[in-house]
Amino acid sequence: MLHPRPELLCDPKAHFIDLGPDFYDNRIAPERKKRNHVRQLEALRYRVTLEPAA
């Protein structure tokens, strides 16, 4: 359950900014994301070889 902050409810100048549905997906650098996925697959006992797409 979300609990609104009293400061936002009381301040008429406060504005809500929607960060978008992919905000958290884009915060992680591509190399870090790739490394994390490789580690997860290796933990499941897969051998991972990545090649850049053509």
C-alpha atoms as a PDB file:
ATOM      1  CA  MET A   1       0.000   0.000   0.000  1.00  0.00           C
ATOM      2  CA  LEU A   2       1.270   3.457  -0.865  1.00  0.00           C
ATOM      3  CA  HIS A   3       1.352   6.113   1.792  1.00  0.00           C
ATOM      4  CA  PRO A   4       1.369   9.682   0.468  1.00  0.00           C
ATOM      5  CA  ARG A   5       3.819  12.067   2.045  1.00  0.00           C
ATOM      6  CA  PRO A   6       2.107  14.849   4.062  1.00  0.00           C
ATOM      7  CA  GLU A   7       4.426  17.466   2.540  1.00  0.00           C
ATOM      8  CA  LEU A   8       3.120  16.644  -0.929  1.00  0.00           C
ATOM      9  CA  LEU A   9      -0.503  16.753   0.149  1.00  0.00           C
ATOM     10  CA  CYS A  10      -0.179  20.108   1.895  1.00  0.00           C
ATOM     11  CA  ASP A  11       1.962  21.909  -0.679  1.00  0.00           C
ATOM     12  CA  PRO A  12      -0.162  23.192  -3.585  1.00  0.00           C
ATOM     13  CA  LYS A  13       3.002  23.866  -5.629  1.00  0.00           C
ATOM     14  CA  ALA A  14       4.230  20.265  -5.391  1.00  0.00           C
ATOM     15  CA  HIS A  15       4.007  18.345  -8.657  1.00  0.00           C
ATOM     16  CA  PHE A  16       4.049  14.624  -9.318  1.00  0.00           C
ATOM     17  CA  ILE A  17       6.546  13.598 -11.982  1.00  0.00           C
ATOM     18  CA  ASP A  18       5.901  10.247 -13.634  1.00  0.00           C
ATOM     19  CA  LEU A  19       9.272   8.611 -14.255  1.00  0.00           C
ATOM     20  CA  GLY A  20       7.831   6.170 -16.767  1.00  0.00           C
ATOM     21  CA  PRO A  21       7.338   2.421 -16.802  1.00  0.00           C
ATOM     22  CA  ASP A  22      10.942   1.629 -17.732  1.00  0.00           C
ATOM     23  CA  PHE A  23      12.663   4.007 -15.302  1.00  0.00           C
ATOM     24  CA  TYR A  24      14.303   1.282 -13.224  1.00  0.00           C
ATOM     25  CA  ASP A  25      15.168  -0.800 -16.291  1.00  0.00           C
ATOM     26  CA  ASN A  26      17.179   2.042 -17.780  1.00  0.00           C
ATOM     27  CA  ARG A  27      19.020   2.935 -14.564  1.00  0.00           C
ATOM     28  CA  ILE A  28      21.307  -0.109 -14.764  1.00  0.00           C
ATOM     29  CA  ALA A  29      24.187   0.211 -17.222  1.00  0.00           C
ATOM     30  CA  PRO A  30      24.063  -2.305 -20.089  1.00  0.00           C
ATOM     31  CA  GLU A  31      27.387  -3.932 -19.118  1.00  0.00           C
ATOM     32  CA  ARG A  32      26.271  -4.393 -15.539  1.00  0.00           C
ATOM     33  CA  LYS A  33      22.926  -5.823 -16.655  1.00  0.00           C
ATOM     34  CA  LYS A  34      24.710  -8.255 -18.991  1.00  0.00           C
ATOM     35  CA  ARG A  35      27.119  -9.329 -16.235  1.00  0.00           C
ATOM     36  CA  ASN A  36      24.245  -9.935 -13.804  1.00  0.00           C
ATOM     37  CA  HIS A  37      22.338 -12.090 -16.296  1.00  0.00           C
ATOM     38  CA  VAL A  38      25.438 -14.121 -17.117  1.00  0.00           C
ATOM     39  CA  ARG A  39      26.079 -14.734 -13.411  1.00  0.00           C
ATOM     40  CA  GLN A  40      22.497 -15.864 -12.879  1.00  0.00           C
ATOM     41  CA  LEU A  41      22.705 -18.328 -15.756  1.00  0.00           C
ATOM     42  CA  GLU A  42      26.067 -19.631 -14.552  1.00  0.00           C
ATOM     43  CA  ALA A  43      24.575 -20.154 -11.099  1.00  0.00           C
ATOM     44  CA  LEU A  44      22.040 -22.444 -12.797  1.00  0.00           C
ATOM     45  CA  ARG A  45      25.023 -24.378 -14.226  1.00  0.00           C
ATOM     46  CA  TYR A  46      24.805 -23.007 -17.791  1.00  0.00           C
ATOM     47  CA  ARG A  47      27.862 -22.114 -19.851  1.00  0.00           C
ATOM     48  CA  VAL A  48      27.302 -18.671 -21.334  1.00  0.00           C
ATOM     49  CA  THR A  49      28.908 -17.245 -24.460  1.00  0.00           C
ATOM     50  CA  LEU A  50      27.715 -13.864 -25.686  1.00  0.00           C
ATOM     51  CA  GLU A  51      28.232 -12.463 -29.156  1.00  0.00           C
ATOM     52  CA  PRO A  52      27.194  -8.987 -30.305  1.00  0.00           C
ATOM     53  CA  ALA A  53      24.219  -8.930 -32.650  1.00  0.00           C
ATOM     54  CA  ALA A  54      25.022  -8.216 -36.282  1.00  0.00           C
END
